């Protein structure tokens, strides 16, 4: 979820993403590879800039909503 929230529409390099999120570079590439496979993230053609796709943004919103509902439920308990 951290990576989804950190990906701007215009793109970001893996190194900048690593600094922004605080996850080591190896894991960043691992997560980006999985997200590219699922077509939630795309890689730029000339520069290695990663950006979130429309389906990825939709998934991120759904996950955020589910997370909010779970937290609200847990606070009531």
PDB file of N, CA and C in Angstrom:
ATOM      1  N   UNK A   1       0.827  -1.188   0.000  1.00  0.00           N
ATOM      2  CA  UNK A   1       0.000   0.000   0.000  1.00  0.00           C
ATOM      3  C   UNK A   1       0.873   1.253   0.000  1.00  0.00           C
ATOM      4  N   UNK A   2       2.007   1.191   0.698  1.00  0.00           N
ATOM      5  CA  UNK A   2       2.909   2.340   0.716  1.00  0.00           C
ATOM      6  C   UNK A   2       3.354   2.710  -0.682  1.00  0.00           C
ATOM      7  N   UNK A   3       3.658   1.690  -1.482  1.00  0.00           N
ATOM      8  CA  UNK A   3       4.131   1.941  -2.839  1.00  0.00           C
ATOM      9  C   UNK A   3       3.017   2.533  -3.685  1.00  0.00           C
ATOM     10  N   UNK A   4       1.792   2.014  -3.571  1.00  0.00           N
ATOM     11  CA  UNK A   4       0.662   2.565  -4.319  1.00  0.00           C
ATOM     12  C   UNK A   4       0.487   4.051  -4.017  1.00  0.00           C
ATOM     13  N   UNK A   5       0.523   4.393  -2.746  1.00  0.00           N
ATOM     14  CA  UNK A   5       0.315   5.785  -2.357  1.00  0.00           C
ATOM     15  C   UNK A   5       1.454   6.686  -2.813  1.00  0.00           C
ATOM     16  N   UNK A   6       2.644   6.140  -2.950  1.00  0.00           N
ATOM     17  CA  UNK A   6       3.814   6.942  -3.311  1.00  0.00           C
ATOM     18  C   UNK A   6       3.985   7.118  -4.819  1.00  0.00           C
ATOM     19  N   UNK A   7       3.253   6.363  -5.632  1.00  0.00           N
ATOM     20  CA  UNK A   7       3.419   6.437  -7.086  1.00  0.00           C
ATOM     21  C   UNK A   7       2.607   7.594  -7.669  1.00  0.00           C
ATOM     22  N   UNK A   8       3.283   8.604  -8.206  1.00  0.00           N
ATOM     23  CA  UNK A   8       2.550   9.691  -8.850  1.00  0.00           C
ATOM     24  C   UNK A   8       2.136   9.311 -10.263  1.00  0.00           C
ATOM     25  N   UNK A   9       1.144   9.973 -10.790  1.00  0.00           N
ATOM     26  CA  UNK A   9       0.653   9.704 -12.144  1.00  0.00           C
ATOM     27  C   UNK A   9       1.740   9.962 -13.188  1.00  0.00           C
ATOM     28  N   UNK A  10       2.585  10.966 -12.945  1.00  0.00           N
ATOM     29  CA  UNK A  10       3.617  11.305 -13.929  1.00  0.00           C
ATOM     30  C   UNK A  10       4.846  10.411 -13.854  1.00  0.00           C
ATOM     31  N   UNK A  11       4.961   9.582 -12.835  1.00  0.00           N
ATOM     32  CA  UNK A  11       6.055   8.621 -12.740  1.00  0.00           C
ATOM     33  C   UNK A  11       7.121   9.019 -11.731  1.00  0.00           C
ATOM     34  N   UNK A  12       7.915   8.030 -11.325  1.00  0.00           N
ATOM     35  CA  UNK A  12       8.981   8.230 -10.357  1.00  0.00           C
ATOM     36  C   UNK A  12      10.021   7.132 -10.586  1.00  0.00           C
ATOM     37  N   UNK A  13      11.271   7.443 -10.345  1.00  0.00           N
ATOM     38  CA  UNK A  13      12.306   6.425 -10.504  1.00  0.00           C
ATOM     39  C   UNK A  13      12.281   5.480  -9.313  1.00  0.00           C
ATOM     40  N   UNK A  14      12.823   4.292  -9.489  1.00  0.00           N
ATOM     41  CA  UNK A  14      12.859   3.309  -8.403  1.00  0.00           C
ATOM     42  C   UNK A  14      13.673   3.841  -7.231  1.00  0.00           C
ATOM     43  N   UNK A  15      14.749   4.564  -7.519  1.00  0.00           N
ATOM     44  CA  UNK A  15      15.590   5.113  -6.453  1.00  0.00           C
ATOM     45  C   UNK A  15      14.827   6.161  -5.649  1.00  0.00           C
ATOM     46  N   UNK A  16      14.129   7.068  -6.339  1.00  0.00           N
ATOM     47  CA  UNK A  16      13.342   8.085  -5.645  1.00  0.00           C
ATOM     48  C   UNK A  16      12.202   7.448  -4.856  1.00  0.00           C
ATOM     49  N   UNK A  17      11.607   6.410  -5.421  1.00  0.00           N
ATOM     50  CA  UNK A  17      10.534   5.696  -4.740  1.00  0.00           C
ATOM     51  C   UNK A  17      11.063   5.036  -3.466  1.00  0.00           C
ATOM     52  N   UNK A  18      12.252   4.469  -3.568  1.00  0.00           N
ATOM     53  CA  UNK A  18      12.884   3.825  -2.407  1.00  0.00           C
ATOM     54  C   UNK A  18      13.120   4.835  -1.297  1.00  0.00           C
ATOM     55  N   UNK A  19      13.595   6.029  -1.646  1.00  0.00           N
ATOM     56  CA  UNK A  19      13.833   7.071  -0.652  1.00  0.00           C
ATOM     57  C   UNK A  19      12.528   7.579  -0.054  1.00  0.00           C
ATOM     58  N   UNK A  20      11.509   7.699  -0.873  1.00  0.00           N
ATOM     59  CA  UNK A  20      10.213   8.216  -0.423  1.00  0.00           C
ATOM     60  C   UNK A  20       9.499   7.239   0.509  1.00  0.00           C
ATOM     61  N   UNK A  21       9.565   5.950   0.190  1.00  0.00           N
ATOM     62  CA  UNK A  21       8.827   4.937   0.944  1.00  0.00           C
ATOM     63  C   UNK A  21       9.643   4.380   2.110  1.00  0.00           C
ATOM     64  N   UNK A  22      10.963   4.329   1.953  1.00  0.00           N
ATOM     65  CA  UNK A  22      11.807   3.790   3.012  1.00  0.00           C
ATOM     66  C   UNK A  22      11.960   2.283   2.972  1.00  0.00           C
ATOM     67  N   UNK A  23      11.789   1.705   1.780  1.00  0.00           N
ATOM     68  CA  UNK A  23      11.959   0.264   1.580  1.00  0.00           C
ATOM     69  C   UNK A  23      13.216   0.091   0.747  1.00  0.00           C
ATOM     70  N   UNK A  24      13.989  -0.961   1.018  1.00  0.00           N
ATOM     71  CA  UNK A  24      15.242  -1.107   0.277  1.00  0.00           C
ATOM     72  C   UNK A  24      14.992  -1.350  -1.207  1.00  0.00           C
ATOM     73  N   UNK A  25      16.006  -1.031  -2.009  1.00  0.00           N
ATOM     74  CA  UNK A  25      15.882  -1.052  -3.466  1.00  0.00           C
ATOM     75  C   UNK A  25      15.500  -2.419  -4.004  1.00  0.00           C
ATOM     76  N   UNK A  26      16.059  -3.458  -3.446  1.00  0.00           N
ATOM     77  CA  UNK A  26      15.745  -4.806  -3.919  1.00  0.00           C
ATOM     78  C   UNK A  26      14.256  -5.116  -3.779  1.00  0.00           C
ATOM     79  N   UNK A  27      13.681  -4.748  -2.638  1.00  0.00           N
ATOM     80  CA  UNK A  27      12.246  -4.986  -2.433  1.00  0.00           C
ATOM     81  C   UNK A  27      11.396  -4.105  -3.345  1.00  0.00           C
ATOM     82  N   UNK A  28      11.848  -2.872  -3.576  1.00  0.00           N
ATOM     83  CA  UNK A  28      11.119  -1.975  -4.482  1.00  0.00           C
ATOM     84  C   UNK A  28      10.982  -2.631  -5.853  1.00  0.00           C
ATOM     85  N   UNK A  29      12.105  -3.133  -6.402  1.00  0.00           N
ATOM     86  CA  UNK A  29      12.054  -3.780  -7.709  1.00  0.00           C
ATOM     87  C   UNK A  29      11.191  -5.037  -7.679  1.00  0.00           C
ATOM     88  N   UNK A  30      11.227  -5.768  -6.586  1.00  0.00           N
ATOM     89  CA  UNK A  30      10.403  -6.975  -6.442  1.00  0.00           C
ATOM     90  C   UNK A  30       8.918  -6.613  -6.501  1.00  0.00           C
ATOM     91  N   UNK A  31       8.528  -5.602  -5.723  1.00  0.00           N
ATOM     92  CA  UNK A  31       7.128  -5.178  -5.699  1.00  0.00           C
ATOM     93  C   UNK A  31       6.714  -4.592  -7.046  1.00  0.00           C
ATOM     94  N   UNK A  32       7.585  -3.784  -7.642  1.00  0.00           N
ATOM     95  CA  UNK A  32       7.255  -3.187  -8.936  1.00  0.00           C
ATOM     96  C   UNK A  32       7.093  -4.256 -10.014  1.00  0.00           C
ATOM     97  N   UNK A  33       7.926  -5.286  -9.970  1.00  0.00           N
ATOM     98  CA  UNK A  33       7.819  -6.371 -10.941  1.00  0.00           C
ATOM     99  C   UNK A  33       6.461  -7.068 -10.810  1.00  0.00           C
ATOM    100  N   UNK A  34       6.040  -7.316  -9.577  1.00  0.00           N
ATOM    101  CA  UNK A  34       4.727  -7.951  -9.358  1.00  0.00           C
ATOM    102  C   UNK A  34       3.593  -7.059  -9.836  1.00  0.00           C
ATOM    103  N   UNK A  35       3.701  -5.769  -9.525  1.00  0.00           N
ATOM    104  CA  UNK A  35       2.656  -4.836  -9.927  1.00  0.00           C
ATOM    105  C   UNK A  35       2.620  -4.657 -11.446  1.00  0.00           C
ATOM    106  N   UNK A  36       3.765  -4.676 -12.101  1.00  0.00           N
ATOM    107  CA  UNK A  36       3.801  -4.601 -13.565  1.00  0.00           C
ATOM    108  C   UNK A  36       3.168  -5.851 -14.167  1.00  0.00           C
ATOM    109  N   UNK A  37       3.437  -7.019 -13.591  1.00  0.00           N
ATOM    110  CA  UNK A  37       2.847  -8.263 -14.080  1.00  0.00           C
ATOM    111  C   UNK A  37       1.324  -8.205 -14.021  1.00  0.00           C
ATOM    112  N   UNK A  38       0.811  -7.617 -12.943  1.00  0.00           N
ATOM    113  CA  UNK A  38      -0.639  -7.514 -12.768  1.00  0.00           C
ATOM    114  C   UNK A  38      -1.220  -6.299 -13.493  1.00  0.00           C
ATOM    115  N   UNK A  39      -0.365  -5.524 -14.150  1.00  0.00           N
ATOM    116  CA  UNK A  39      -0.740  -4.341 -14.919  1.00  0.00           C
ATOM    117  C   UNK A  39      -1.343  -3.231 -14.078  1.00  0.00           C
ATOM    118  N   UNK A  40      -0.858  -3.104 -12.846  1.00  0.00           N
ATOM    119  CA  UNK A  40      -1.267  -2.002 -11.981  1.00  0.00           C
ATOM    120  C   UNK A  40      -0.250  -0.867 -12.051  1.00  0.00           C
ATOM    121  N   UNK A  41       0.916  -1.163 -12.599  1.00  0.00           N
ATOM    122  CA  UNK A  41       1.993  -0.191 -12.728  1.00  0.00           C
ATOM    123  C   UNK A  41       2.607  -0.366 -14.110  1.00  0.00           C
ATOM    124  N   UNK A  42       3.031   0.743 -14.706  1.00  0.00           N
ATOM    125  CA  UNK A  42       3.713   0.646 -15.993  1.00  0.00           C
ATOM    126  C   UNK A  42       5.075   1.321 -15.891  1.00  0.00           C
ATOM    127  N   UNK A  43       5.980   0.871 -16.734  1.00  0.00           N
ATOM    128  CA  UNK A  43       7.338   1.399 -16.754  1.00  0.00           C
ATOM    129  C   UNK A  43       7.486   2.302 -17.965  1.00  0.00           C
ATOM    130  N   UNK A  44       8.111   3.451 -17.780  1.00  0.00           N
ATOM    131  CA  UNK A  44       8.343   4.376 -18.882  1.00  0.00           C
ATOM    132  C   UNK A  44       9.245   3.763 -19.937  1.00  0.00           C
ATOM    133  N   UNK A  45       9.157   4.287 -21.145  1.00  0.00           N
ATOM    134  CA  UNK A  45       9.921   3.725 -22.253  1.00  0.00           C
ATOM    135  C   UNK A  45      11.395   4.122 -22.230  1.00  0.00           C
ATOM    136  N   UNK A  46      11.701   5.396 -22.120  1.00  0.00           N
ATOM    137  CA  UNK A  46      13.089   5.845 -22.175  1.00  0.00           C
ATOM    138  C   UNK A  46      13.753   5.812 -20.807  1.00  0.00           C
ATOM    139  N   UNK A  47      13.140   6.425 -19.851  1.00  0.00           N
ATOM    140  CA  UNK A  47      13.665   6.429 -18.492  1.00  0.00           C
ATOM    141  C   UNK A  47      12.914   5.396 -17.668  1.00  0.00           C
ATOM    142  N   UNK A  48      13.545   4.909 -16.661  1.00  0.00           N
ATOM    143  CA  UNK A  48      12.890   3.929 -15.792  1.00  0.00           C
ATOM    144  C   UNK A  48      12.037   4.662 -14.770  1.00  0.00           C
ATOM    145  N   UNK A  49      10.927   5.229 -15.251  1.00  0.00           N
ATOM    146  CA  UNK A  49       9.969   5.887 -14.370  1.00  0.00           C
ATOM    147  C   UNK A  49       8.750   4.999 -14.254  1.00  0.00           C
ATOM    148  N   UNK A  50       8.332   4.736 -13.045  1.00  0.00           N
ATOM    149  CA  UNK A  50       7.172   3.885 -12.793  1.00  0.00           C
ATOM    150  C   UNK A  50       6.001   4.760 -12.387  1.00  0.00           C
ATOM    151  N   UNK A  51       4.848   4.458 -12.944  1.00  0.00           N
ATOM    152  CA  UNK A  51       3.641   5.195 -12.591  1.00  0.00           C
ATOM    153  C   UNK A  51       2.490   4.215 -12.431  1.00  0.00           C
ATOM    154  N   UNK A  52       1.499   4.632 -11.683  1.00  0.00           N
ATOM    155  CA  UNK A  52       0.357   3.766 -11.408  1.00  0.00           C
ATOM    156  C   UNK A  52      -0.634   3.868 -12.567  1.00  0.00           C
ATOM    157  N   UNK A  53      -1.230   2.748 -12.934  1.00  0.00           N
ATOM    158  CA  UNK A  53      -2.225   2.727 -14.003  1.00  0.00           C
ATOM    159  C   UNK A  53      -3.603   3.014 -13.414  1.00  0.00           C
ATOM    160  N   UNK A  54      -4.582   3.173 -14.279  1.00  0.00           N
ATOM    161  CA  UNK A  54      -5.946   3.415 -13.811  1.00  0.00           C
ATOM    162  C   UNK A  54      -6.469   2.226 -13.006  1.00  0.00           C
ATOM    163  N   UNK A  55      -6.167   1.000 -13.448  1.00  0.00           N
ATOM    164  CA  UNK A  55      -6.614  -0.172 -12.686  1.00  0.00           C
ATOM    165  C   UNK A  55      -5.882  -0.253 -11.352  1.00  0.00           C
ATOM    166  N   UNK A  56      -4.624   0.124 -11.341  1.00  0.00           N
ATOM    167  CA  UNK A  56      -3.870   0.140 -10.090  1.00  0.00           C
ATOM    168  C   UNK A  56      -4.431   1.167  -9.122  1.00  0.00           C
ATOM    169  N   UNK A  57      -4.787   2.345  -9.637  1.00  0.00           N
ATOM    170  CA  UNK A  57      -5.364   3.391  -8.795  1.00  0.00           C
ATOM    171  C   UNK A  57      -6.708   2.928  -8.228  1.00  0.00           C
ATOM    172  N   UNK A  58      -7.502   2.246  -9.051  1.00  0.00           N
ATOM    173  CA  UNK A  58      -8.789   1.721  -8.599  1.00  0.00           C
ATOM    174  C   UNK A  58      -8.579   0.685  -7.486  1.00  0.00           C
ATOM    175  N   UNK A  59      -7.609  -0.189  -7.675  1.00  0.00           N
ATOM    176  CA  UNK A  59      -7.301  -1.183  -6.655  1.00  0.00           C
ATOM    177  C   UNK A  59      -6.833  -0.521  -5.369  1.00  0.00           C
ATOM    178  N   UNK A  60      -6.001   0.493  -5.476  1.00  0.00           N
ATOM    179  CA  UNK A  60      -5.498   1.194  -4.299  1.00  0.00           C
ATOM    180  C   UNK A  60      -6.647   1.839  -3.520  1.00  0.00           C
ATOM    181  N   UNK A  61      -7.602   2.431  -4.226  1.00  0.00           N
ATOM    182  CA  UNK A  61      -8.764   3.037  -3.559  1.00  0.00           C
ATOM    183  C   UNK A  61      -9.586   1.973  -2.836  1.00  0.00           C
ATOM    184  N   UNK A  62      -9.775   0.828  -3.487  1.00  0.00           N
ATOM    185  CA  UNK A  62     -10.534  -0.262  -2.865  1.00  0.00           C
ATOM    186  C   UNK A  62      -9.831  -0.781  -1.617  1.00  0.00           C
ATOM    187  N   UNK A  63      -8.530  -0.944  -1.708  1.00  0.00           N
ATOM    188  CA  UNK A  63      -7.766  -1.415  -0.550  1.00  0.00           C
ATOM    189  C   UNK A  63      -7.809  -0.403   0.590  1.00  0.00           C
ATOM    190  N   UNK A  64      -7.747   0.869   0.254  1.00  0.00           N
ATOM    191  CA  UNK A  64      -7.808   1.915   1.267  1.00  0.00           C
ATOM    192  C   UNK A  64      -9.164   1.921   1.964  1.00  0.00           C
ATOM    193  N   UNK A  65     -10.232   1.753   1.191  1.00  0.00           N
ATOM    194  CA  UNK A  65     -11.577   1.696   1.765  1.00  0.00           C
ATOM    195  C   UNK A  65     -11.726   0.487   2.687  1.00  0.00           C
ATOM    196  N   UNK A  66     -11.255  -0.666   2.231  1.00  0.00           N
ATOM    197  CA  UNK A  66     -11.330  -1.875   3.051  1.00  0.00           C
ATOM    198  C   UNK A  66     -10.534  -1.700   4.337  1.00  0.00           C
ATOM    199  N   UNK A  67      -9.364  -1.100   4.230  1.00  0.00           N
ATOM    200  CA  UNK A  67      -8.531  -0.867   5.404  1.00  0.00           C
ATOM    201  C   UNK A  67      -9.234   0.054   6.399  1.00  0.00           C
ATOM    202  N   UNK A  68      -9.896   1.103   5.903  1.00  0.00           N
ATOM    203  CA  UNK A  68     -10.631   2.020   6.768  1.00  0.00           C
ATOM    204  C   UNK A  68     -11.778   1.318   7.482  1.00  0.00           C
ATOM    205  N   UNK A  69     -12.503   0.459   6.761  1.00  0.00           N
ATOM    206  CA  UNK A  69     -13.616  -0.275   7.363  1.00  0.00           C
ATOM    207  C   UNK A  69     -13.123  -1.231   8.456  1.00  0.00           C
ATOM    208  N   UNK A  70     -12.024  -1.888   8.205  1.00  0.00           N
ATOM    209  CA  UNK A  70     -11.462  -2.819   9.191  1.00  0.00           C
ATOM    210  C   UNK A  70     -11.006  -2.072  10.434  1.00  0.00           C
ATOM    211  N   UNK A  71     -10.351  -0.927  10.241  1.00  0.00           N
ATOM    212  CA  UNK A  71      -9.897  -0.137  11.391  1.00  0.00           C
ATOM    213  C   UNK A  71     -11.084   0.371  12.212  1.00  0.00           C
ATOM    214  N   UNK A  72     -12.139   0.811  11.526  1.00  0.00           N
ATOM    215  CA  UNK A  72     -13.327   1.303  12.227  1.00  0.00           C
ATOM    216  C   UNK A  72     -13.977   0.188  13.035  1.00  0.00           C
ATOM    217  N   UNK A  73     -14.018  -1.004  12.451  1.00  0.00           N
ATOM    218  CA  UNK A  73     -14.595  -2.160  13.152  1.00  0.00           C
ATOM    219  C   UNK A  73     -13.759  -2.514  14.369  1.00  0.00           C
ATOM    220  N   UNK A  74     -12.444  -2.496  14.214  1.00  0.00           N
ATOM    221  CA  UNK A  74     -11.548  -2.848  15.318  1.00  0.00           C
ATOM    222  C   UNK A  74     -11.618  -1.837  16.460  1.00  0.00           C
ATOM    223  N   UNK A  75     -11.872  -0.570  16.133  1.00  0.00           N
ATOM    224  CA  UNK A  75     -11.989   0.456  17.171  1.00  0.00           C
ATOM    225  C   UNK A  75     -13.250   0.256  18.004  1.00  0.00           C
ATOM    226  N   UNK A  76     -14.295  -0.292  17.396  1.00  0.00           N
ATOM    227  CA  UNK A  76     -15.543  -0.509  18.100  1.00  0.00           C
ATOM    228  C   UNK A  76     -15.434  -1.696  19.070  1.00  0.00           C
ATOM    229  N   UNK A  77     -14.545  -2.616  18.745  1.00  0.00           N
ATOM    230  CA  UNK A  77     -14.423  -3.836  19.554  1.00  0.00           C
ATOM    231  C   UNK A  77     -13.627  -3.588  20.785  1.00  0.00           C
TER     232      UNK A  77
END
